[in-house]
């Protein structure tokens, strides 16, 4: 309470589809430009 913390639940299945689509486009754009990398096996 003293820090006035906001505890926010999150699950992608409840995010509006247009928000998910925009997030996908932004995220994959950054990855295509080399700003986000992940090791894949």
ModelCIF file with pLDDT and N, C-alpha, C, O atoms, coordinates in Angstrom:
data_MODEL
#
_entry.id   MODEL 
#
_entity.id                         1 
_entity.type                       polymer 
_entity.pdbx_number_of_molecules   1 
#
_entity_poly.entity_id                      1 
_entity_poly.type                           'polypeptide(L)' 
_entity_poly.nstd_linkage                   no 
_entity_poly.nstd_monomer                   no 
_entity_poly.pdbx_seq_one_letter_code       
;(UNK)(UNK)(UNK)(UNK)(UNK)(UNK)(UNK)(UNK)(UNK)(UNK)(UNK)(UNK)(UNK)(UNK)(UNK)(UNK)
(UNK)(UNK)(UNK)(UNK)(UNK)(UNK)(UNK)(UNK)(UNK)(UNK)(UNK)(UNK)(UNK)(UNK)(UNK)(UNK)
(UNK)(UNK)(UNK)(UNK)(UNK)(UNK)(UNK)(UNK)(UNK)
;
_entity_poly.pdbx_seq_one_letter_code_can   XXXXXXXXXXXXXXXXXXXXXXXXXXXXXXXXXXXXXXXXX 
_entity_poly.pdbx_strand_id                 A 
#
loop_
_entity_poly_seq.entity_id 
_entity_poly_seq.num 
_entity_poly_seq.mon_id 
_entity_poly_seq.hetero 
1 1  UNK n 
1 2  UNK n 
1 3  UNK n 
1 4  UNK n 
1 5  UNK n 
1 6  UNK n 
1 7  UNK n 
1 8  UNK n 
1 9  UNK n 
1 10 UNK n 
1 11 UNK n 
1 12 UNK n 
1 13 UNK n 
1 14 UNK n 
1 15 UNK n 
1 16 UNK n 
1 17 UNK n 
1 18 UNK n 
1 19 UNK n 
1 20 UNK n 
1 21 UNK n 
1 22 UNK n 
1 23 UNK n 
1 24 UNK n 
1 25 UNK n 
1 26 UNK n 
1 27 UNK n 
1 28 UNK n 
1 29 UNK n 
1 30 UNK n 
1 31 UNK n 
1 32 UNK n 
1 33 UNK n 
1 34 UNK n 
1 35 UNK n 
1 36 UNK n 
1 37 UNK n 
1 38 UNK n 
1 39 UNK n 
1 40 UNK n 
1 41 UNK n 
#
_struct_asym.id          A 
_struct_asym.entity_id   1 
#
loop_
_ma_qa_metric.id 
_ma_qa_metric.mode 
_ma_qa_metric.name 
_ma_qa_metric.software_group_id 
_ma_qa_metric.type 
1 global pLDDT . pLDDT 
2 local  pLDDT . pLDDT 
#
_ma_qa_metric_global.metric_id      1 
_ma_qa_metric_global.metric_value   95.80 
_ma_qa_metric_global.model_id       1 
_ma_qa_metric_global.ordinal_id     1 
#
loop_
_ma_qa_metric_local.label_asym_id 
_ma_qa_metric_local.label_comp_id 
_ma_qa_metric_local.label_seq_id 
_ma_qa_metric_local.metric_id 
_ma_qa_metric_local.metric_value 
_ma_qa_metric_local.model_id 
_ma_qa_metric_local.ordinal_id 
A UNK 1  2 87.00 1 1  
A UNK 2  2 88.00 1 2  
A UNK 3  2 91.00 1 3  
A UNK 4  2 94.00 1 4  
A UNK 5  2 95.00 1 5  
A UNK 6  2 96.00 1 6  
A UNK 7  2 96.00 1 7  
A UNK 8  2 97.00 1 8  
A UNK 9  2 97.00 1 9  
A UNK 10 2 97.00 1 10 
A UNK 11 2 95.00 1 11 
A UNK 12 2 95.00 1 12 
A UNK 13 2 92.00 1 13 
A UNK 14 2 95.00 1 14 
A UNK 15 2 97.00 1 15 
A UNK 16 2 96.00 1 16 
A UNK 17 2 95.00 1 17 
A UNK 18 2 96.00 1 18 
A UNK 19 2 98.00 1 19 
A UNK 20 2 97.00 1 20 
A UNK 21 2 97.00 1 21 
A UNK 22 2 97.00 1 22 
A UNK 23 2 98.00 1 23 
A UNK 24 2 97.00 1 24 
A UNK 25 2 97.00 1 25 
A UNK 26 2 98.00 1 26 
A UNK 27 2 98.00 1 27 
A UNK 28 2 98.00 1 28 
A UNK 29 2 98.00 1 29 
A UNK 30 2 98.00 1 30 
A UNK 31 2 98.00 1 31 
A UNK 32 2 97.00 1 32 
A UNK 33 2 97.00 1 33 
A UNK 34 2 96.00 1 34 
A UNK 35 2 97.00 1 35 
A UNK 36 2 97.00 1 36 
A UNK 37 2 96.00 1 37 
A UNK 38 2 95.00 1 38 
A UNK 39 2 94.00 1 39 
A UNK 40 2 96.00 1 40 
A UNK 41 2 95.00 1 41 
#
loop_
_atom_site.group_PDB 
_atom_site.id 
_atom_site.type_symbol 
_atom_site.label_atom_id 
_atom_site.label_alt_id 
_atom_site.label_comp_id 
_atom_site.label_asym_id 
_atom_site.label_entity_id 
_atom_site.label_seq_id 
_atom_site.pdbx_PDB_ins_code 
_atom_site.Cartn_x 
_atom_site.Cartn_y 
_atom_site.Cartn_z 
_atom_site.occupancy 
_atom_site.B_iso_or_equiv 
_atom_site.pdbx_formal_charge 
_atom_site.auth_seq_id 
_atom_site.auth_comp_id 
_atom_site.auth_asym_id 
_atom_site.auth_atom_id 
_atom_site.pdbx_PDB_model_num 
ATOM 1   N N  . UNK A 1 1  ? 0.825  -1.219  0.000   1.00 87.00 ? 1  UNK A N  1 
ATOM 2   C CA . UNK A 1 1  ? 0.000  0.000   0.000   1.00 87.00 ? 1  UNK A CA 1 
ATOM 3   C C  . UNK A 1 1  ? 0.853  1.259   0.000   1.00 87.00 ? 1  UNK A C  1 
ATOM 4   O O  . UNK A 1 1  ? 0.554  2.206   -0.727  1.00 87.00 ? 1  UNK A O  1 
ATOM 5   N N  . UNK A 1 2  ? 1.920  1.284   0.812   1.00 88.00 ? 2  UNK A N  1 
ATOM 6   C CA . UNK A 1 2  ? 2.754  2.469   0.930   1.00 88.00 ? 2  UNK A CA 1 
ATOM 7   C C  . UNK A 1 2  ? 3.398  2.853   -0.395  1.00 88.00 ? 2  UNK A C  1 
ATOM 8   O O  . UNK A 1 2  ? 3.534  4.036   -0.707  1.00 88.00 ? 2  UNK A O  1 
ATOM 9   N N  . UNK A 1 3  ? 3.794  1.848   -1.175  1.00 91.00 ? 3  UNK A N  1 
ATOM 10  C CA . UNK A 1 3  ? 4.405  2.132   -2.480  1.00 91.00 ? 3  UNK A CA 1 
ATOM 11  C C  . UNK A 1 3  ? 3.362  2.350   -3.566  1.00 91.00 ? 3  UNK A C  1 
ATOM 12  O O  . UNK A 1 3  ? 3.706  2.641   -4.711  1.00 91.00 ? 3  UNK A O  1 
ATOM 13  N N  . UNK A 1 4  ? 2.072  2.208   -3.207  1.00 94.00 ? 4  UNK A N  1 
ATOM 14  C CA . UNK A 1 4  ? 0.966  2.372   -4.161  1.00 94.00 ? 4  UNK A CA 1 
ATOM 15  C C  . UNK A 1 4  ? 1.205  1.529   -5.412  1.00 94.00 ? 4  UNK A C  1 
ATOM 16  O O  . UNK A 1 4  ? 1.101  2.008   -6.541  1.00 94.00 ? 4  UNK A O  1 
ATOM 17  N N  . UNK A 1 5  ? 1.531  0.246   -5.170  1.00 95.00 ? 5  UNK A N  1 
ATOM 18  C CA . UNK A 1 5  ? 1.823  -0.680  -6.264  1.00 95.00 ? 5  UNK A CA 1 
ATOM 19  C C  . UNK A 1 5  ? 0.537  -1.045  -7.000  1.00 95.00 ? 5  UNK A C  1 
ATOM 20  O O  . UNK A 1 5  ? -0.472 -1.364  -6.373  1.00 95.00 ? 5  UNK A O  1 
ATOM 21  N N  . UNK A 1 6  ? 0.575  -1.000  -8.317  1.00 96.00 ? 6  UNK A N  1 
ATOM 22  C CA . UNK A 1 6  ? -0.512 -1.501  -9.151  1.00 96.00 ? 6  UNK A CA 1 
ATOM 23  C C  . UNK A 1 6  ? -0.186 -2.940  -9.530  1.00 96.00 ? 6  UNK A C  1 
ATOM 24  O O  . UNK A 1 6  ? 0.788  -3.189  -10.240 1.00 96.00 ? 6  UNK A O  1 
ATOM 25  N N  . UNK A 1 7  ? -0.996 -3.889  -9.063  1.00 96.00 ? 7  UNK A N  1 
ATOM 26  C CA . UNK A 1 7  ? -0.829 -5.300  -9.417  1.00 96.00 ? 7  UNK A CA 1 
ATOM 27  C C  . UNK A 1 7  ? -1.761 -5.596  -10.582 1.00 96.00 ? 7  UNK A C  1 
ATOM 28  O O  . UNK A 1 7  ? -2.982 -5.554  -10.437 1.00 96.00 ? 7  UNK A O  1 
ATOM 29  N N  . UNK A 1 8  ? -1.175 -5.897  -11.739 1.00 97.00 ? 8  UNK A N  1 
ATOM 30  C CA . UNK A 1 8  ? -1.925 -6.026  -12.984 1.00 97.00 ? 8  UNK A CA 1 
ATOM 31  C C  . UNK A 1 8  ? -1.847 -7.453  -13.509 1.00 97.00 ? 8  UNK A C  1 
ATOM 32  O O  . UNK A 1 8  ? -0.760 -7.950  -13.804 1.00 97.00 ? 8  UNK A O  1 
ATOM 33  N N  . UNK A 1 9  ? -2.987 -8.109  -13.626 1.00 97.00 ? 9  UNK A N  1 
ATOM 34  C CA . UNK A 1 9  ? -3.013 -9.427  -14.238 1.00 97.00 ? 9  UNK A CA 1 
ATOM 35  C C  . UNK A 1 9  ? -2.930 -9.315  -15.751 1.00 97.00 ? 9  UNK A C  1 
ATOM 36  O O  . UNK A 1 9  ? -3.347 -8.315  -16.335 1.00 97.00 ? 9  UNK A O  1 
ATOM 37  N N  . UNK A 1 10 ? -2.383 -10.354 -16.381 1.00 97.00 ? 10 UNK A N  1 
ATOM 38  C CA . UNK A 1 10 ? -2.268 -10.325 -17.842 1.00 97.00 ? 10 UNK A CA 1 
ATOM 39  C C  . UNK A 1 10 ? -2.371 -11.739 -18.418 1.00 97.00 ? 10 UNK A C  1 
ATOM 40  O O  . UNK A 1 10 ? -1.753 -12.672 -17.906 1.00 97.00 ? 10 UNK A O  1 
ATOM 41  N N  . UNK A 1 11 ? -3.150 -11.883 -19.477 1.00 95.00 ? 11 UNK A N  1 
ATOM 42  C CA . UNK A 1 11 ? -3.131 -13.072 -20.332 1.00 95.00 ? 11 UNK A CA 1 
ATOM 43  C C  . UNK A 1 11 ? -3.500 -12.626 -21.741 1.00 95.00 ? 11 UNK A C  1 
ATOM 44  O O  . UNK A 1 11 ? -4.447 -11.861 -21.927 1.00 95.00 ? 11 UNK A O  1 
ATOM 45  N N  . UNK A 1 12 ? -2.761 -13.098 -22.721 1.00 95.00 ? 12 UNK A N  1 
ATOM 46  C CA . UNK A 1 12 ? -2.936 -12.603 -24.093 1.00 95.00 ? 12 UNK A CA 1 
ATOM 47  C C  . UNK A 1 12 ? -4.319 -12.918 -24.639 1.00 95.00 ? 12 UNK A C  1 
ATOM 48  O O  . UNK A 1 12 ? -4.841 -12.165 -25.461 1.00 95.00 ? 12 UNK A O  1 
ATOM 49  N N  . UNK A 1 13 ? -4.923 -14.015 -24.198 1.00 92.00 ? 13 UNK A N  1 
ATOM 50  C CA . UNK A 1 13 ? -6.217 -14.390 -24.782 1.00 92.00 ? 13 UNK A CA 1 
ATOM 51  C C  . UNK A 1 13 ? -7.327 -13.391 -24.476 1.00 92.00 ? 13 UNK A C  1 
ATOM 52  O O  . UNK A 1 13 ? -8.381 -13.436 -25.111 1.00 92.00 ? 13 UNK A O  1 
ATOM 53  N N  . UNK A 1 14 ? -7.113 -12.488 -23.514 1.00 95.00 ? 14 UNK A N  1 
ATOM 54  C CA . UNK A 1 14 ? -8.129 -11.480 -23.210 1.00 95.00 ? 14 UNK A CA 1 
ATOM 55  C C  . UNK A 1 14 ? -7.781 -10.099 -23.774 1.00 95.00 ? 14 UNK A C  1 
ATOM 56  O O  . UNK A 1 14 ? -8.491 -9.128  -23.513 1.00 95.00 ? 14 UNK A O  1 
ATOM 57  N N  . UNK A 1 15 ? -6.705 -10.009 -24.537 1.00 97.00 ? 15 UNK A N  1 
ATOM 58  C CA . UNK A 1 15 ? -6.314 -8.738  -25.152 1.00 97.00 ? 15 UNK A CA 1 
ATOM 59  C C  . UNK A 1 15 ? -7.099 -8.568  -26.453 1.00 97.00 ? 15 UNK A C  1 
ATOM 60  O O  . UNK A 1 15 ? -7.223 -9.530  -27.210 1.00 97.00 ? 15 UNK A O  1 
ATOM 61  N N  . UNK A 1 16 ? -7.633 -7.375  -26.738 1.00 96.00 ? 16 UNK A N  1 
ATOM 62  C CA . UNK A 1 16 ? -8.351 -7.167  -28.000 1.00 96.00 ? 16 UNK A CA 1 
ATOM 63  C C  . UNK A 1 16 ? -7.504 -7.573  -29.206 1.00 96.00 ? 16 UNK A C  1 
ATOM 64  O O  . UNK A 1 16 ? -6.295 -7.341  -29.231 1.00 96.00 ? 16 UNK A O  1 
ATOM 65  N N  . UNK A 1 17 ? -8.144 -8.175  -30.197 1.00 95.00 ? 17 UNK A N  1 
ATOM 66  C CA . UNK A 1 17 ? -7.418 -8.720  -31.336 1.00 95.00 ? 17 UNK A CA 1 
ATOM 67  C C  . UNK A 1 17 ? -6.651 -7.659  -32.109 1.00 95.00 ? 17 UNK A C  1 
ATOM 68  O O  . UNK A 1 17 ? -5.570 -7.935  -32.628 1.00 95.00 ? 17 UNK A O  1 
ATOM 69  N N  . UNK A 1 18 ? -7.194 -6.452  -32.193 1.00 96.00 ? 18 UNK A N  1 
ATOM 70  C CA . UNK A 1 18 ? -6.480 -5.408  -32.920 1.00 96.00 ? 18 UNK A CA 1 
ATOM 71  C C  . UNK A 1 18 ? -5.203 -5.007  -32.183 1.00 96.00 ? 18 UNK A C  1 
ATOM 72  O O  . UNK A 1 18 ? -4.216 -4.631  -32.814 1.00 96.00 ? 18 UNK A O  1 
ATOM 73  N N  . UNK A 1 19 ? -5.217 -5.085  -30.843 1.00 98.00 ? 19 UNK A N  1 
ATOM 74  C CA . UNK A 1 19 ? -4.015 -4.785  -30.058 1.00 98.00 ? 19 UNK A CA 1 
ATOM 75  C C  . UNK A 1 19 ? -2.969 -5.872  -30.265 1.00 98.00 ? 19 UNK A C  1 
ATOM 76  O O  . UNK A 1 19 ? -1.781 -5.582  -30.404 1.00 98.00 ? 19 UNK A O  1 
ATOM 77  N N  . UNK A 1 20 ? -3.418 -7.134  -30.284 1.00 97.00 ? 20 UNK A N  1 
ATOM 78  C CA . UNK A 1 20 ? -2.494 -8.246  -30.524 1.00 97.00 ? 20 UNK A CA 1 
ATOM 79  C C  . UNK A 1 20 ? -1.875 -8.129  -31.918 1.00 97.00 ? 20 UNK A C  1 
ATOM 80  O O  . UNK A 1 20 ? -0.668 -8.310  -32.079 1.00 97.00 ? 20 UNK A O  1 
ATOM 81  N N  . UNK A 1 21 ? -2.685 -7.831  -32.908 1.00 97.00 ? 21 UNK A N  1 
ATOM 82  C CA . UNK A 1 21 ? -2.180 -7.723  -34.287 1.00 97.00 ? 21 UNK A CA 1 
ATOM 83  C C  . UNK A 1 21 ? -1.163 -6.598  -34.410 1.00 97.00 ? 21 UNK A C  1 
ATOM 84  O O  . UNK A 1 21 ? -0.135 -6.757  -35.068 1.00 97.00 ? 21 UNK A O  1 
ATOM 85  N N  . UNK A 1 22 ? -1.442 -5.469  -33.783 1.00 97.00 ? 22 UNK A N  1 
ATOM 86  C CA . UNK A 1 22 ? -0.499 -4.353  -33.813 1.00 97.00 ? 22 UNK A CA 1 
ATOM 87  C C  . UNK A 1 22 ? 0.783  -4.711  -33.071 1.00 97.00 ? 22 UNK A C  1 
ATOM 88  O O  . UNK A 1 22 ? 1.877  -4.376  -33.525 1.00 97.00 ? 22 UNK A O  1 
ATOM 89  N N  . UNK A 1 23 ? 0.655  -5.390  -31.932 1.00 98.00 ? 23 UNK A N  1 
ATOM 90  C CA . UNK A 1 23 ? 1.831  -5.824  -31.196 1.00 98.00 ? 23 UNK A CA 1 
ATOM 91  C C  . UNK A 1 23 ? 2.685  -6.786  -31.994 1.00 98.00 ? 23 UNK A C  1 
ATOM 92  O O  . UNK A 1 23 ? 3.911  -6.688  -31.980 1.00 98.00 ? 23 UNK A O  1 
ATOM 93  N N  . UNK A 1 24 ? 2.046  -7.721  -32.693 1.00 97.00 ? 24 UNK A N  1 
ATOM 94  C CA . UNK A 1 24 ? 2.774  -8.672  -33.542 1.00 97.00 ? 24 UNK A CA 1 
ATOM 95  C C  . UNK A 1 24 ? 3.560  -7.945  -34.627 1.00 97.00 ? 24 UNK A C  1 
ATOM 96  O O  . UNK A 1 24 ? 4.730  -8.248  -34.858 1.00 97.00 ? 24 UNK A O  1 
ATOM 97  N N  . UNK A 1 25 ? 2.925  -6.996  -35.286 1.00 97.00 ? 25 UNK A N  1 
ATOM 98  C CA . UNK A 1 25 ? 3.587  -6.261  -36.361 1.00 97.00 ? 25 UNK A CA 1 
ATOM 99  C C  . UNK A 1 25 ? 4.784  -5.475  -35.834 1.00 97.00 ? 25 UNK A C  1 
ATOM 100 O O  . UNK A 1 25 ? 5.838  -5.448  -36.468 1.00 97.00 ? 25 UNK A O  1 
ATOM 101 N N  . UNK A 1 26 ? 4.623  -4.841  -34.682 1.00 98.00 ? 26 UNK A N  1 
ATOM 102 C CA . UNK A 1 26 ? 5.722  -4.062  -34.108 1.00 98.00 ? 26 UNK A CA 1 
ATOM 103 C C  . UNK A 1 26 ? 6.863  -4.968  -33.655 1.00 98.00 ? 26 UNK A C  1 
ATOM 104 O O  . UNK A 1 26 ? 8.029  -4.698  -33.945 1.00 98.00 ? 26 UNK A O  1 
ATOM 105 N N  . UNK A 1 27 ? 6.525  -6.036  -32.949 1.00 98.00 ? 27 UNK A N  1 
ATOM 106 C CA . UNK A 1 27 ? 7.532  -6.938  -32.414 1.00 98.00 ? 27 UNK A CA 1 
ATOM 107 C C  . UNK A 1 27 ? 8.321  -7.620  -33.527 1.00 98.00 ? 27 UNK A C  1 
ATOM 108 O O  . UNK A 1 27 ? 9.549  -7.675  -33.472 1.00 98.00 ? 27 UNK A O  1 
ATOM 109 N N  . UNK A 1 28 ? 7.634  -8.133  -34.521 1.00 98.00 ? 28 UNK A N  1 
ATOM 110 C CA . UNK A 1 28 ? 8.333  -8.806  -35.617 1.00 98.00 ? 28 UNK A CA 1 
ATOM 111 C C  . UNK A 1 28 ? 9.133  -7.816  -36.461 1.00 98.00 ? 28 UNK A C  1 
ATOM 112 O O  . UNK A 1 28 ? 10.157 -8.175  -37.043 1.00 98.00 ? 28 UNK A O  1 
ATOM 113 N N  . UNK A 1 29 ? 8.666  -6.580  -36.526 1.00 98.00 ? 29 UNK A N  1 
ATOM 114 C CA . UNK A 1 29 ? 9.440  -5.565  -37.238 1.00 98.00 ? 29 UNK A CA 1 
ATOM 115 C C  . UNK A 1 29 ? 10.777 -5.311  -36.569 1.00 98.00 ? 29 UNK A C  1 
ATOM 116 O O  . UNK A 1 29 ? 11.803 -5.207  -37.242 1.00 98.00 ? 29 UNK A O  1 
ATOM 117 N N  . UNK A 1 30 ? 10.770 -5.210  -35.245 1.00 98.00 ? 30 UNK A N  1 
ATOM 118 C CA . UNK A 1 30 ? 12.023 -5.014  -34.515 1.00 98.00 ? 30 UNK A CA 1 
ATOM 119 C C  . UNK A 1 30 ? 12.942 -6.228  -34.656 1.00 98.00 ? 30 UNK A C  1 
ATOM 120 O O  . UNK A 1 30 ? 14.157 -6.076  -34.784 1.00 98.00 ? 30 UNK A O  1 
ATOM 121 N N  . UNK A 1 31 ? 12.367 -7.427  -34.632 1.00 98.00 ? 31 UNK A N  1 
ATOM 122 C CA . UNK A 1 31 ? 13.182 -8.637  -34.780 1.00 98.00 ? 31 UNK A CA 1 
ATOM 123 C C  . UNK A 1 31 ? 13.782 -8.720  -36.179 1.00 98.00 ? 31 UNK A C  1 
ATOM 124 O O  . UNK A 1 31 ? 14.937 -9.114  -36.336 1.00 98.00 ? 31 UNK A O  1 
ATOM 125 N N  . UNK A 1 32 ? 13.011 -8.355  -37.186 1.00 97.00 ? 32 UNK A N  1 
ATOM 126 C CA . UNK A 1 32 ? 13.520 -8.367  -38.557 1.00 97.00 ? 32 UNK A CA 1 
ATOM 127 C C  . UNK A 1 32 ? 14.687 -7.408  -38.715 1.00 97.00 ? 32 UNK A C  1 
ATOM 128 O O  . UNK A 1 32 ? 15.615 -7.669  -39.480 1.00 97.00 ? 32 UNK A O  1 
ATOM 129 N N  . UNK A 1 33 ? 14.640 -6.300  -37.991 1.00 97.00 ? 33 UNK A N  1 
ATOM 130 C CA . UNK A 1 33 ? 15.719 -5.308  -38.042 1.00 97.00 ? 33 UNK A CA 1 
ATOM 131 C C  . UNK A 1 33 ? 16.876 -5.637  -37.102 1.00 97.00 ? 33 UNK A C  1 
ATOM 132 O O  . UNK A 1 33 ? 17.829 -4.864  -37.000 1.00 97.00 ? 33 UNK A O  1 
ATOM 133 N N  . UNK A 1 34 ? 16.800 -6.782  -36.413 1.00 96.00 ? 34 UNK A N  1 
ATOM 134 C CA . UNK A 1 34 ? 17.919 -7.239  -35.592 1.00 96.00 ? 34 UNK A CA 1 
ATOM 135 C C  . UNK A 1 34 ? 17.937 -6.720  -34.167 1.00 96.00 ? 34 UNK A C  1 
ATOM 136 O O  . UNK A 1 34 ? 18.941 -6.874  -33.472 1.00 96.00 ? 34 UNK A O  1 
ATOM 137 N N  . UNK A 1 35 ? 16.845 -6.107  -33.713 1.00 97.00 ? 35 UNK A N  1 
ATOM 138 C CA . UNK A 1 35 ? 16.837 -5.546  -32.351 1.00 97.00 ? 35 UNK A CA 1 
ATOM 139 C C  . UNK A 1 35 ? 16.377 -6.546  -31.285 1.00 97.00 ? 35 UNK A C  1 
ATOM 140 O O  . UNK A 1 35 ? 16.548 -6.307  -30.089 1.00 97.00 ? 35 UNK A O  1 
ATOM 141 N N  . UNK A 1 36 ? 15.800 -7.652  -31.718 1.00 97.00 ? 36 UNK A N  1 
ATOM 142 C CA . UNK A 1 36 ? 15.368 -8.694  -30.784 1.00 97.00 ? 36 UNK A CA 1 
ATOM 143 C C  . UNK A 1 36 ? 15.795 -10.044 -31.336 1.00 97.00 ? 36 UNK A C  1 
ATOM 144 O O  . UNK A 1 36 ? 15.492 -10.379 -32.481 1.00 97.00 ? 36 UNK A O  1 
ATOM 145 N N  . UNK A 1 37 ? 16.500 -10.821 -30.516 1.00 96.00 ? 37 UNK A N  1 
ATOM 146 C CA . UNK A 1 37 ? 17.006 -12.125 -30.943 1.00 96.00 ? 37 UNK A CA 1 
ATOM 147 C C  . UNK A 1 37 ? 16.657 -13.168 -29.886 1.00 96.00 ? 37 UNK A C  1 
ATOM 148 O O  . UNK A 1 37 ? 16.544 -12.856 -28.700 1.00 96.00 ? 37 UNK A O  1 
ATOM 149 N N  . UNK A 1 38 ? 16.488 -14.411 -30.334 1.00 95.00 ? 38 UNK A N  1 
ATOM 150 C CA . UNK A 1 38 ? 16.197 -15.540 -29.449 1.00 95.00 ? 38 UNK A CA 1 
ATOM 151 C C  . UNK A 1 38 ? 16.952 -16.755 -29.969 1.00 95.00 ? 38 UNK A C  1 
ATOM 152 O O  . UNK A 1 38 ? 16.991 -16.996 -31.175 1.00 95.00 ? 38 UNK A O  1 
ATOM 153 N N  . UNK A 1 39 ? 17.548 -17.514 -29.067 1.00 94.00 ? 39 UNK A N  1 
ATOM 154 C CA . UNK A 1 39 ? 18.163 -18.774 -29.469 1.00 94.00 ? 39 UNK A CA 1 
ATOM 155 C C  . UNK A 1 39 ? 17.064 -19.792 -29.757 1.00 94.00 ? 39 UNK A C  1 
ATOM 156 O O  . UNK A 1 39 ? 16.160 -19.995 -28.946 1.00 94.00 ? 39 UNK A O  1 
ATOM 157 N N  . UNK A 1 40 ? 17.156 -20.427 -30.922 1.00 96.00 ? 40 UNK A N  1 
ATOM 158 C CA . UNK A 1 40 ? 16.148 -21.398 -31.343 1.00 96.00 ? 40 UNK A CA 1 
ATOM 159 C C  . UNK A 1 40 ? 16.814 -22.753 -31.509 1.00 96.00 ? 40 UNK A C  1 
ATOM 160 O O  . UNK A 1 40 ? 17.870 -22.866 -32.131 1.00 96.00 ? 40 UNK A O  1 
ATOM 161 N N  . UNK A 1 41 ? 16.188 -23.779 -30.947 1.00 95.00 ? 41 UNK A N  1 
ATOM 162 C CA . UNK A 1 41 ? 16.683 -25.152 -31.088 1.00 95.00 ? 41 UNK A CA 1 
ATOM 163 C C  . UNK A 1 41 ? 15.658 -25.960 -31.877 1.00 95.00 ? 41 UNK A C  1 
ATOM 164 O O  . UNK A 1 41 ? 15.863 -27.150 -32.119 1.00 95.00 ? 41 UNK A O  1 
#
